[in-house]
């Protein structure tokens, strides 16, 4: 949890630095938001449509990673056999494990790819929201960055300096940054709870497809169980607009995983029979 707080605390600095280095990415995402806002003048809808575009572009990789992760779970019994067979011989165990992964087309590190790919998008979106709600003259005058001041999005932002009002809240603010009575915090809290709940749904849907007796490591199961709570520490600090992205992306990811894990999607390729651990060895 300490590392999460360090990450979140450093996020504004990191976002600002990347804003200078990767200015074209910030401008591209801001212009996409401006385009969606021109069609549907609602900040939440524009962010949701942007999320759908991002998730659609990454769908092939997400499907591949999801199938690889489930295949990894199905190999657990074979991995245990290898561990028993080469107990005390670390070199041969590693060689046999790598061979097993290669034979079944499994990458044990592929499960981290969605998270790694999500981080740059979050950083850019975080910076874009901060840039679009940029103000001058002590917050009294809006000065949106990354887009032309003649587009519809810029005009709406200038009408409410520093704010992006949608679904009854300011998407430029976070739960911890909200002001007013306790009632004002409820929509932000509801958005965070929805994001956490969807994370649990996604995890349970994947786990429900794991075959019985696959031997999921206890440590890994605990990480998956409590990972949404770790994300909650991030949701509390991020602007509500970024949490809209979290909600929409998780819904998209659940749908993509349903496609990836549909019946028959993990059948062995024709003419190929999975080899048991140690088969063919002397």
C-alpha atoms as a PDB file:
ATOM      1  CA  UNK A   1       0.000   0.000   0.000  1.00  0.00           C
ATOM      2  CA  UNK A   2       2.924   2.336   0.712  1.00  0.00           C
ATOM      3  CA  UNK A   3       4.137   1.984  -2.870  1.00  0.00           C
ATOM      4  CA  UNK A   4       0.647   2.826  -4.143  1.00  0.00           C
ATOM      5  CA  UNK A   5       0.611   6.081  -2.197  1.00  0.00           C
ATOM      6  CA  UNK A   6       4.047   6.955  -3.537  1.00  0.00           C
ATOM      7  CA  UNK A   7       2.806   6.288  -7.069  1.00  0.00           C
ATOM      8  CA  UNK A   8      -0.331   8.385  -6.593  1.00  0.00           C
ATOM      9  CA  UNK A   9       1.540  11.170  -4.850  1.00  0.00           C
ATOM     10  CA  UNK A  10       4.052  11.361  -7.668  1.00  0.00           C
ATOM     11  CA  UNK A  11       1.371  11.275 -10.344  1.00  0.00           C
ATOM     12  CA  UNK A  12       0.953  15.073 -10.752  1.00  0.00           C
ATOM     13  CA  UNK A  13       4.708  15.506 -11.188  1.00  0.00           C
ATOM     14  CA  UNK A  14       4.903  12.543 -13.544  1.00  0.00           C
ATOM     15  CA  UNK A  15       1.922  13.777 -15.535  1.00  0.00           C
ATOM     16  CA  UNK A  16       3.423  17.261 -15.795  1.00  0.00           C
ATOM     17  CA  UNK A  17       6.761  15.884 -16.992  1.00  0.00           C
ATOM     18  CA  UNK A  18       5.154  13.657 -19.605  1.00  0.00           C
ATOM     19  CA  UNK A  19       2.979  16.578 -20.651  1.00  0.00           C
ATOM     20  CA  UNK A  20       6.119  18.356 -21.808  1.00  0.00           C
ATOM     21  CA  UNK A  21       7.798  15.307 -23.319  1.00  0.00           C
ATOM     22  CA  UNK A  22       4.782  13.740 -25.021  1.00  0.00           C
ATOM     23  CA  UNK A  23       2.861  16.861 -25.957  1.00  0.00           C
ATOM     24  CA  UNK A  24       1.520  15.280 -29.200  1.00  0.00           C
ATOM     25  CA  UNK A  25      -0.164  12.457 -27.216  1.00  0.00           C
ATOM     26  CA  UNK A  26      -1.842  14.972 -24.937  1.00  0.00           C
ATOM     27  CA  UNK A  27      -3.039  16.982 -27.899  1.00  0.00           C
ATOM     28  CA  UNK A  28      -4.280  13.879 -29.734  1.00  0.00           C
ATOM     29  CA  UNK A  29      -6.342  12.694 -26.767  1.00  0.00           C
ATOM     30  CA  UNK A  30      -7.666  16.206 -26.095  1.00  0.00           C
ATOM     31  CA  UNK A  31      -8.742  16.575 -29.713  1.00  0.00           C
ATOM     32  CA  UNK A  32     -10.480  13.197 -29.609  1.00  0.00           C
ATOM     33  CA  UNK A  33     -12.375  14.347 -26.532  1.00  0.00           C
ATOM     34  CA  UNK A  34     -13.211  17.603 -28.297  1.00  0.00           C
ATOM     35  CA  UNK A  35     -14.521  15.662 -31.293  1.00  0.00           C
ATOM     36  CA  UNK A  36     -16.746  13.429 -29.186  1.00  0.00           C
ATOM     37  CA  UNK A  37     -17.933  16.421 -27.162  1.00  0.00           C
ATOM     38  CA  UNK A  38     -18.927  18.193 -30.390  1.00  0.00           C
ATOM     39  CA  UNK A  39     -21.186  15.238 -31.200  1.00  0.00           C
ATOM     40  CA  UNK A  40     -22.419  14.592 -27.647  1.00  0.00           C
ATOM     41  CA  UNK A  41     -21.959  17.684 -25.431  1.00  0.00           C
ATOM     42  CA  UNK A  42     -21.437  15.800 -22.196  1.00  0.00           C
ATOM     43  CA  UNK A  43     -18.021  15.320 -20.571  1.00  0.00           C
ATOM     44  CA  UNK A  44     -18.827  11.872 -19.180  1.00  0.00           C
ATOM     45  CA  UNK A  45     -20.134  10.649 -22.538  1.00  0.00           C
ATOM     46  CA  UNK A  46     -17.082  12.033 -24.352  1.00  0.00           C
ATOM     47  CA  UNK A  47     -14.705  10.270 -21.935  1.00  0.00           C
ATOM     48  CA  UNK A  48     -16.697   7.035 -22.259  1.00  0.00           C
ATOM     49  CA  UNK A  49     -16.533   7.139 -26.059  1.00  0.00           C
ATOM     50  CA  UNK A  50     -12.805   7.825 -25.876  1.00  0.00           C
ATOM     51  CA  UNK A  51     -12.445   4.809 -23.594  1.00  0.00           C
ATOM     52  CA  UNK A  52     -14.323   2.589 -26.031  1.00  0.00           C
ATOM     53  CA  UNK A  53     -11.968   3.628 -28.827  1.00  0.00           C
ATOM     54  CA  UNK A  54      -8.902   2.874 -26.670  1.00  0.00           C
ATOM     55  CA  UNK A  55     -10.275  -0.497 -25.550  1.00  0.00           C
ATOM     56  CA  UNK A  56     -11.287  -1.467 -29.100  1.00  0.00           C
ATOM     57  CA  UNK A  57      -7.764  -0.714 -30.306  1.00  0.00           C
ATOM     58  CA  UNK A  58      -6.257  -2.887 -27.563  1.00  0.00           C
ATOM     59  CA  UNK A  59      -8.882  -5.660 -27.797  1.00  0.00           C
ATOM     60  CA  UNK A  60      -6.732  -8.123 -29.812  1.00  0.00           C
ATOM     61  CA  UNK A  61      -3.939  -7.907 -27.249  1.00  0.00           C
ATOM     62  CA  UNK A  62      -6.403  -8.174 -24.350  1.00  0.00           C
ATOM     63  CA  UNK A  63      -7.912 -11.340 -25.862  1.00  0.00           C
ATOM     64  CA  UNK A  64      -4.484 -12.882 -26.373  1.00  0.00           C
ATOM     65  CA  UNK A  65      -3.370 -12.034 -22.836  1.00  0.00           C
ATOM     66  CA  UNK A  66      -6.605 -13.322 -21.286  1.00  0.00           C
ATOM     67  CA  UNK A  67      -6.358 -16.666 -23.070  1.00  0.00           C
ATOM     68  CA  UNK A  68      -2.698 -16.956 -22.128  1.00  0.00           C
ATOM     69  CA  UNK A  69      -3.530 -16.275 -18.468  1.00  0.00           C
ATOM     70  CA  UNK A  70      -6.213 -18.985 -18.401  1.00  0.00           C
ATOM     71  CA  UNK A  71      -3.921 -21.412 -20.190  1.00  0.00           C
ATOM     72  CA  UNK A  72      -1.343 -20.658 -17.507  1.00  0.00           C
ATOM     73  CA  UNK A  73      -3.850 -21.679 -14.833  1.00  0.00           C
ATOM     74  CA  UNK A  74      -4.598 -24.917 -16.655  1.00  0.00           C
ATOM     75  CA  UNK A  75      -0.902 -25.790 -16.666  1.00  0.00           C
ATOM     76  CA  UNK A  76      -0.613 -25.633 -12.877  1.00  0.00           C
ATOM     77  CA  UNK A  77      -0.996 -29.421 -12.403  1.00  0.00           C
ATOM     78  CA  UNK A  78       1.739 -30.029 -14.979  1.00  0.00           C
ATOM     79  CA  UNK A  79       3.981 -27.466 -13.302  1.00  0.00           C
ATOM     80  CA  UNK A  80       3.536 -29.249  -9.977  1.00  0.00           C
ATOM     81  CA  UNK A  81       4.570 -32.532 -11.595  1.00  0.00           C
ATOM     82  CA  UNK A  82       7.714 -30.890 -12.932  1.00  0.00           C
ATOM     83  CA  UNK A  83       8.482 -29.454  -9.505  1.00  0.00           C
ATOM     84  CA  UNK A  84       8.217 -32.909  -7.976  1.00  0.00           C
ATOM     85  CA  UNK A  85      10.255 -34.565 -10.712  1.00  0.00           C
ATOM     86  CA  UNK A  86      13.117 -32.050 -10.622  1.00  0.00           C
ATOM     87  CA  UNK A  87      13.009 -31.291  -6.936  1.00  0.00           C
ATOM     88  CA  UNK A  88      16.430 -30.023  -5.932  1.00  0.00           C
ATOM     89  CA  UNK A  89      17.562 -29.462  -9.556  1.00  0.00           C
ATOM     90  CA  UNK A  90      16.750 -25.815 -10.235  1.00  0.00           C
ATOM     91  CA  UNK A  91      18.454 -25.704 -13.629  1.00  0.00           C
ATOM     92  CA  UNK A  92      16.557 -28.654 -15.138  1.00  0.00           C
ATOM     93  CA  UNK A  93      13.316 -27.454 -13.551  1.00  0.00           C
ATOM     94  CA  UNK A  94      13.677 -24.051 -15.214  1.00  0.00           C
ATOM     95  CA  UNK A  95      14.487 -25.652 -18.556  1.00  0.00           C
ATOM     96  CA  UNK A  96      11.494 -28.003 -18.363  1.00  0.00           C
ATOM     97  CA  UNK A  97       9.196 -25.158 -17.289  1.00  0.00           C
ATOM     98  CA  UNK A  98      10.273 -22.927 -20.167  1.00  0.00           C
ATOM     99  CA  UNK A  99       9.776 -25.845 -22.579  1.00  0.00           C
ATOM    100  CA  UNK A 100       6.266 -26.445 -21.213  1.00  0.00           C
ATOM    101  CA  UNK A 101       5.368 -22.767 -21.600  1.00  0.00           C
ATOM    102  CA  UNK A 102       6.718 -22.709 -25.146  1.00  0.00           C
ATOM    103  CA  UNK A 103       4.852 -25.857 -26.149  1.00  0.00           C
ATOM    104  CA  UNK A 104       1.525 -24.470 -24.979  1.00  0.00           C
ATOM    105  CA  UNK A 105       2.160 -20.919 -26.191  1.00  0.00           C
ATOM    106  CA  UNK A 106       2.012 -19.440 -22.693  1.00  0.00           C
ATOM    107  CA  UNK A 107       3.832 -16.327 -21.533  1.00  0.00           C
ATOM    108  CA  UNK A 108       3.936 -16.158 -17.717  1.00  0.00           C
ATOM    109  CA  UNK A 109       4.530 -12.398 -17.834  1.00  0.00           C
ATOM    110  CA  UNK A 110       1.644 -11.611 -20.178  1.00  0.00           C
ATOM    111  CA  UNK A 111      -0.738 -11.006 -17.285  1.00  0.00           C
ATOM    112  CA  UNK A 112       1.064  -7.770 -16.500  1.00  0.00           C
ATOM    113  CA  UNK A 113       0.654  -6.337 -20.019  1.00  0.00           C
ATOM    114  CA  UNK A 114      -2.865  -4.878 -19.556  1.00  0.00           C
ATOM    115  CA  UNK A 115      -1.710  -3.059 -16.424  1.00  0.00           C
ATOM    116  CA  UNK A 116       1.446  -1.786 -18.106  1.00  0.00           C
ATOM    117  CA  UNK A 117      -0.512  -0.562 -21.121  1.00  0.00           C
ATOM    118  CA  UNK A 118      -3.137   1.079 -18.938  1.00  0.00           C
ATOM    119  CA  UNK A 119      -0.650   3.228 -17.021  1.00  0.00           C
ATOM    120  CA  UNK A 120       0.381   5.469 -19.969  1.00  0.00           C
ATOM    121  CA  UNK A 121      -3.275   6.020 -20.911  1.00  0.00           C
ATOM    122  CA  UNK A 122      -4.105   7.017 -17.338  1.00  0.00           C
ATOM    123  CA  UNK A 123      -1.145   9.379 -17.153  1.00  0.00           C
ATOM    124  CA  UNK A 124      -2.100  11.069 -20.410  1.00  0.00           C
ATOM    125  CA  UNK A 125      -5.805  11.281 -19.509  1.00  0.00           C
ATOM    126  CA  UNK A 126      -4.920  12.671 -16.076  1.00  0.00           C
ATOM    127  CA  UNK A 127      -2.756  15.323 -17.705  1.00  0.00           C
ATOM    128  CA  UNK A 128      -5.373  16.134 -20.347  1.00  0.00           C
ATOM    129  CA  UNK A 129      -8.099  16.735 -17.749  1.00  0.00           C
ATOM    130  CA  UNK A 130      -5.749  18.967 -15.774  1.00  0.00           C
ATOM    131  CA  UNK A 131      -4.806  20.801 -18.970  1.00  0.00           C
ATOM    132  CA  UNK A 132      -8.364  21.274 -20.164  1.00  0.00           C
ATOM    133  CA  UNK A 133      -9.395  22.705 -16.791  1.00  0.00           C
ATOM    134  CA  UNK A 134      -6.328  24.956 -16.590  1.00  0.00           C
ATOM    135  CA  UNK A 135      -7.106  28.436 -15.281  1.00  0.00           C
ATOM    136  CA  UNK A 136      -5.323  31.754 -14.836  1.00  0.00           C
ATOM    137  CA  UNK A 137      -5.934  34.879 -12.764  1.00  0.00           C
ATOM    138  CA  UNK A 138      -6.326  32.830  -9.557  1.00  0.00           C
ATOM    139  CA  UNK A 139      -8.825  30.445 -11.069  1.00  0.00           C
ATOM    140  CA  UNK A 140     -11.192  33.114 -12.354  1.00  0.00           C
ATOM    141  CA  UNK A 141     -10.392  32.717 -16.058  1.00  0.00           C
ATOM    142  CA  UNK A 142     -10.341  29.416 -17.949  1.00  0.00           C
ATOM    143  CA  UNK A 143      -7.366  28.770 -20.244  1.00  0.00           C
ATOM    144  CA  UNK A 144      -7.807  25.248 -21.679  1.00  0.00           C
ATOM    145  CA  UNK A 145      -4.655  23.629 -23.015  1.00  0.00           C
ATOM    146  CA  UNK A 146      -4.110  21.221 -25.950  1.00  0.00           C
ATOM    147  CA  UNK A 147      -7.149  22.324 -28.023  1.00  0.00           C
ATOM    148  CA  UNK A 148      -8.191  25.328 -30.055  1.00  0.00           C
ATOM    149  CA  UNK A 149     -10.241  27.871 -28.149  1.00  0.00           C
ATOM    150  CA  UNK A 150     -12.770  27.939 -30.980  1.00  0.00           C
ATOM    151  CA  UNK A 151     -14.069  24.380 -30.529  1.00  0.00           C
ATOM    152  CA  UNK A 152     -17.234  23.602 -28.599  1.00  0.00           C
ATOM    153  CA  UNK A 153     -15.375  21.886 -25.777  1.00  0.00           C
ATOM    154  CA  UNK A 154     -13.209  24.938 -25.130  1.00  0.00           C
ATOM    155  CA  UNK A 155     -16.211  27.228 -25.109  1.00  0.00           C
ATOM    156  CA  UNK A 156     -17.933  25.057 -22.504  1.00  0.00           C
ATOM    157  CA  UNK A 157     -14.792  24.949 -20.371  1.00  0.00           C
ATOM    158  CA  UNK A 158     -14.472  28.737 -20.489  1.00  0.00           C
ATOM    159  CA  UNK A 159     -18.055  29.066 -19.251  1.00  0.00           C
ATOM    160  CA  UNK A 160     -17.092  27.205 -16.041  1.00  0.00           C
ATOM    161  CA  UNK A 161     -13.399  27.847 -15.265  1.00  0.00           C
ATOM    162  CA  UNK A 162     -11.628  24.822 -13.811  1.00  0.00           C
ATOM    163  CA  UNK A 163     -14.682  22.583 -13.923  1.00  0.00           C
ATOM    164  CA  UNK A 164     -16.146  19.780 -16.026  1.00  0.00           C
ATOM    165  CA  UNK A 165     -19.699  19.238 -14.806  1.00  0.00           C
ATOM    166  CA  UNK A 166     -21.450  15.986 -15.737  1.00  0.00           C
ATOM    167  CA  UNK A 167     -23.615  13.395 -13.970  1.00  0.00           C
ATOM    168  CA  UNK A 168     -24.040  15.878 -11.133  1.00  0.00           C
ATOM    169  CA  UNK A 169     -20.345  16.218 -10.242  1.00  0.00           C
ATOM    170  CA  UNK A 170     -17.216  18.057 -11.315  1.00  0.00           C
ATOM    171  CA  UNK A 171     -15.180  15.497 -13.259  1.00  0.00           C
ATOM    172  CA  UNK A 172     -12.056  17.576 -12.704  1.00  0.00           C
ATOM    173  CA  UNK A 173     -12.281  16.974  -8.948  1.00  0.00           C
ATOM    174  CA  UNK A 174     -11.753  13.827  -6.891  1.00  0.00           C
ATOM    175  CA  UNK A 175     -13.482  12.377  -3.854  1.00  0.00           C
ATOM    176  CA  UNK A 176     -10.731  13.713  -1.620  1.00  0.00           C
ATOM    177  CA  UNK A 177     -10.814  17.074  -3.393  1.00  0.00           C
ATOM    178  CA  UNK A 178     -14.573  17.617  -3.281  1.00  0.00           C
ATOM    179  CA  UNK A 179     -15.963  20.507  -1.281  1.00  0.00           C
ATOM    180  CA  UNK A 180     -19.256  21.232   0.437  1.00  0.00           C
ATOM    181  CA  UNK A 181     -21.537  19.190   2.670  1.00  0.00           C
ATOM    182  CA  UNK A 182     -21.342  15.435   2.991  1.00  0.00           C
ATOM    183  CA  UNK A 183     -24.045  15.166   0.327  1.00  0.00           C
ATOM    184  CA  UNK A 184     -21.600  16.607  -2.214  1.00  0.00           C
ATOM    185  CA  UNK A 185     -19.275  13.654  -1.598  1.00  0.00           C
ATOM    186  CA  UNK A 186     -21.902  10.987  -2.318  1.00  0.00           C
ATOM    187  CA  UNK A 187     -21.697  10.996  -6.159  1.00  0.00           C
ATOM    188  CA  UNK A 188     -17.893  10.775  -6.011  1.00  0.00           C
ATOM    189  CA  UNK A 189     -18.088   7.945  -3.486  1.00  0.00           C
ATOM    190  CA  UNK A 190     -20.688   6.146  -5.609  1.00  0.00           C
ATOM    191  CA  UNK A 191     -18.398   6.352  -8.647  1.00  0.00           C
ATOM    192  CA  UNK A 192     -15.501   4.901  -6.650  1.00  0.00           C
ATOM    193  CA  UNK A 193     -17.690   2.074  -5.329  1.00  0.00           C
ATOM    194  CA  UNK A 194     -18.900   1.271  -8.848  1.00  0.00           C
ATOM    195  CA  UNK A 195     -15.300   1.140 -10.085  1.00  0.00           C
ATOM    196  CA  UNK A 196     -14.311  -1.199  -7.232  1.00  0.00           C
ATOM    197  CA  UNK A 197     -17.383  -3.378  -7.736  1.00  0.00           C
ATOM    198  CA  UNK A 198     -16.660  -3.794 -11.437  1.00  0.00           C
ATOM    199  CA  UNK A 199     -13.092  -4.806 -10.625  1.00  0.00           C
ATOM    200  CA  UNK A 200     -14.450  -7.587  -8.415  1.00  0.00           C
ATOM    201  CA  UNK A 201     -16.880  -8.664 -11.150  1.00  0.00           C
ATOM    202  CA  UNK A 202     -14.061  -8.845 -13.672  1.00  0.00           C
ATOM    203  CA  UNK A 203     -11.890 -10.910 -11.316  1.00  0.00           C
ATOM    204  CA  UNK A 204     -14.728 -13.299 -10.450  1.00  0.00           C
ATOM    205  CA  UNK A 205     -15.645 -13.795 -14.107  1.00  0.00           C
ATOM    206  CA  UNK A 206     -12.094 -14.809 -14.948  1.00  0.00           C
ATOM    207  CA  UNK A 207     -11.800 -17.057 -11.885  1.00  0.00           C
ATOM    208  CA  UNK A 208     -15.093 -18.749 -12.721  1.00  0.00           C
ATOM    209  CA  UNK A 209     -13.570 -19.910 -16.012  1.00  0.00           C
ATOM    210  CA  UNK A 210     -10.577 -21.482 -14.265  1.00  0.00           C
ATOM    211  CA  UNK A 211     -10.948 -25.287 -14.272  1.00  0.00           C
ATOM    212  CA  UNK A 212     -11.436 -27.004 -10.930  1.00  0.00           C
ATOM    213  CA  UNK A 213      -8.247 -28.506  -9.626  1.00  0.00           C
ATOM    214  CA  UNK A 214      -6.012 -26.202 -11.648  1.00  0.00           C
ATOM    215  CA  UNK A 215      -4.143 -25.388  -8.492  1.00  0.00           C
ATOM    216  CA  UNK A 216      -4.177 -21.611  -8.509  1.00  0.00           C
ATOM    217  CA  UNK A 217      -1.415 -20.506  -6.130  1.00  0.00           C
ATOM    218  CA  UNK A 218      -2.767 -19.167  -2.842  1.00  0.00           C
ATOM    219  CA  UNK A 219      -0.598 -16.067  -3.015  1.00  0.00           C
ATOM    220  CA  UNK A 220      -1.882 -15.246  -6.487  1.00  0.00           C
ATOM    221  CA  UNK A 221      -5.478 -15.802  -5.413  1.00  0.00           C
ATOM    222  CA  UNK A 222      -5.007 -13.393  -2.495  1.00  0.00           C
ATOM    223  CA  UNK A 223      -3.502 -10.752  -4.779  1.00  0.00           C
ATOM    224  CA  UNK A 224      -6.426 -11.016  -7.200  1.00  0.00           C
ATOM    225  CA  UNK A 225      -8.909 -10.855  -4.341  1.00  0.00           C
ATOM    226  CA  UNK A 226      -7.530  -7.680  -2.793  1.00  0.00           C
ATOM    227  CA  UNK A 227      -6.289  -5.929  -5.934  1.00  0.00           C
ATOM    228  CA  UNK A 228      -9.543  -3.912  -6.312  1.00  0.00           C
ATOM    229  CA  UNK A 229      -8.956  -2.487  -2.822  1.00  0.00           C
ATOM    230  CA  UNK A 230      -5.470  -1.435  -3.870  1.00  0.00           C
ATOM    231  CA  UNK A 231      -7.008   0.277  -6.877  1.00  0.00           C
ATOM    232  CA  UNK A 232      -9.408   2.027  -4.498  1.00  0.00           C
ATOM    233  CA  UNK A 233      -6.491   4.037  -3.095  1.00  0.00           C
ATOM    234  CA  UNK A 234      -5.936   5.307  -6.628  1.00  0.00           C
ATOM    235  CA  UNK A 235      -9.627   5.991  -7.307  1.00  0.00           C
ATOM    236  CA  UNK A 236      -9.828   8.223  -4.246  1.00  0.00           C
ATOM    237  CA  UNK A 237      -7.109  10.514  -5.538  1.00  0.00           C
ATOM    238  CA  UNK A 238      -7.879  10.572  -9.260  1.00  0.00           C
ATOM    239  CA  UNK A 239     -10.285  13.086 -10.810  1.00  0.00           C
ATOM    240  CA  UNK A 240     -13.767  11.713 -11.338  1.00  0.00           C
ATOM    241  CA  UNK A 241     -13.181  11.950 -15.092  1.00  0.00           C
ATOM    242  CA  UNK A 242     -10.386   9.384 -14.823  1.00  0.00           C
ATOM    243  CA  UNK A 243     -12.666   7.181 -12.715  1.00  0.00           C
ATOM    244  CA  UNK A 244     -15.209   7.384 -15.539  1.00  0.00           C
ATOM    245  CA  UNK A 245     -12.459   5.897 -17.706  1.00  0.00           C
ATOM    246  CA  UNK A 246     -11.860   3.158 -15.100  1.00  0.00           C
ATOM    247  CA  UNK A 247     -15.543   2.231 -15.054  1.00  0.00           C
ATOM    248  CA  UNK A 248     -15.960   2.256 -18.831  1.00  0.00           C
ATOM    249  CA  UNK A 249     -12.694   0.390 -19.474  1.00  0.00           C
ATOM    250  CA  UNK A 250     -13.561  -2.323 -16.945  1.00  0.00           C
ATOM    251  CA  UNK A 251     -16.970  -2.847 -18.563  1.00  0.00           C
ATOM    252  CA  UNK A 252     -15.255  -3.100 -21.961  1.00  0.00           C
ATOM    253  CA  UNK A 253     -12.649  -5.481 -20.561  1.00  0.00           C
ATOM    254  CA  UNK A 254     -15.354  -7.742 -19.096  1.00  0.00           C
ATOM    255  CA  UNK A 255     -17.058  -7.867 -22.498  1.00  0.00           C
ATOM    256  CA  UNK A 256     -13.759  -8.588 -24.269  1.00  0.00           C
ATOM    257  CA  UNK A 257     -12.922 -11.338 -21.788  1.00  0.00           C
ATOM    258  CA  UNK A 258     -16.298 -12.942 -22.373  1.00  0.00           C
ATOM    259  CA  UNK A 259     -15.371 -13.144 -26.052  1.00  0.00           C
ATOM    260  CA  UNK A 260     -11.869 -14.395 -25.278  1.00  0.00           C
ATOM    261  CA  UNK A 261     -13.114 -17.112 -22.911  1.00  0.00           C
ATOM    262  CA  UNK A 262     -16.134 -18.270 -24.863  1.00  0.00           C
ATOM    263  CA  UNK A 263     -16.533 -22.067 -25.059  1.00  0.00           C
ATOM    264  CA  UNK A 264     -14.075 -23.670 -27.443  1.00  0.00           C
ATOM    265  CA  UNK A 265     -11.733 -20.691 -27.584  1.00  0.00           C
ATOM    266  CA  UNK A 266      -8.934 -22.587 -25.825  1.00  0.00           C
ATOM    267  CA  UNK A 267      -9.032 -25.863 -27.704  1.00  0.00           C
ATOM    268  CA  UNK A 268      -5.656 -27.236 -28.741  1.00  0.00           C
ATOM    269  CA  UNK A 269      -4.654 -26.494 -32.292  1.00  0.00           C
ATOM    270  CA  UNK A 270      -5.450 -29.260 -34.843  1.00  0.00           C
ATOM    271  CA  UNK A 271      -3.009 -32.131 -34.852  1.00  0.00           C
ATOM    272  CA  UNK A 272      -1.417 -31.078 -31.603  1.00  0.00           C
ATOM    273  CA  UNK A 273      -1.799 -33.016 -28.392  1.00  0.00           C
ATOM    274  CA  UNK A 274      -0.688 -31.406 -25.137  1.00  0.00           C
ATOM    275  CA  UNK A 275       2.262 -33.330 -23.735  1.00  0.00           C
ATOM    276  CA  UNK A 276       2.282 -34.367 -20.118  1.00  0.00           C
ATOM    277  CA  UNK A 277       5.104 -33.232 -17.893  1.00  0.00           C
ATOM    278  CA  UNK A 278       8.145 -35.423 -18.360  1.00  0.00           C
ATOM    279  CA  UNK A 279       6.633 -37.293 -21.297  1.00  0.00           C
ATOM    280  CA  UNK A 280       9.270 -38.529 -23.724  1.00  0.00           C
ATOM    281  CA  UNK A 281      12.111 -38.000 -21.245  1.00  0.00           C
ATOM    282  CA  UNK A 282      14.388 -40.630 -19.924  1.00  0.00           C
END
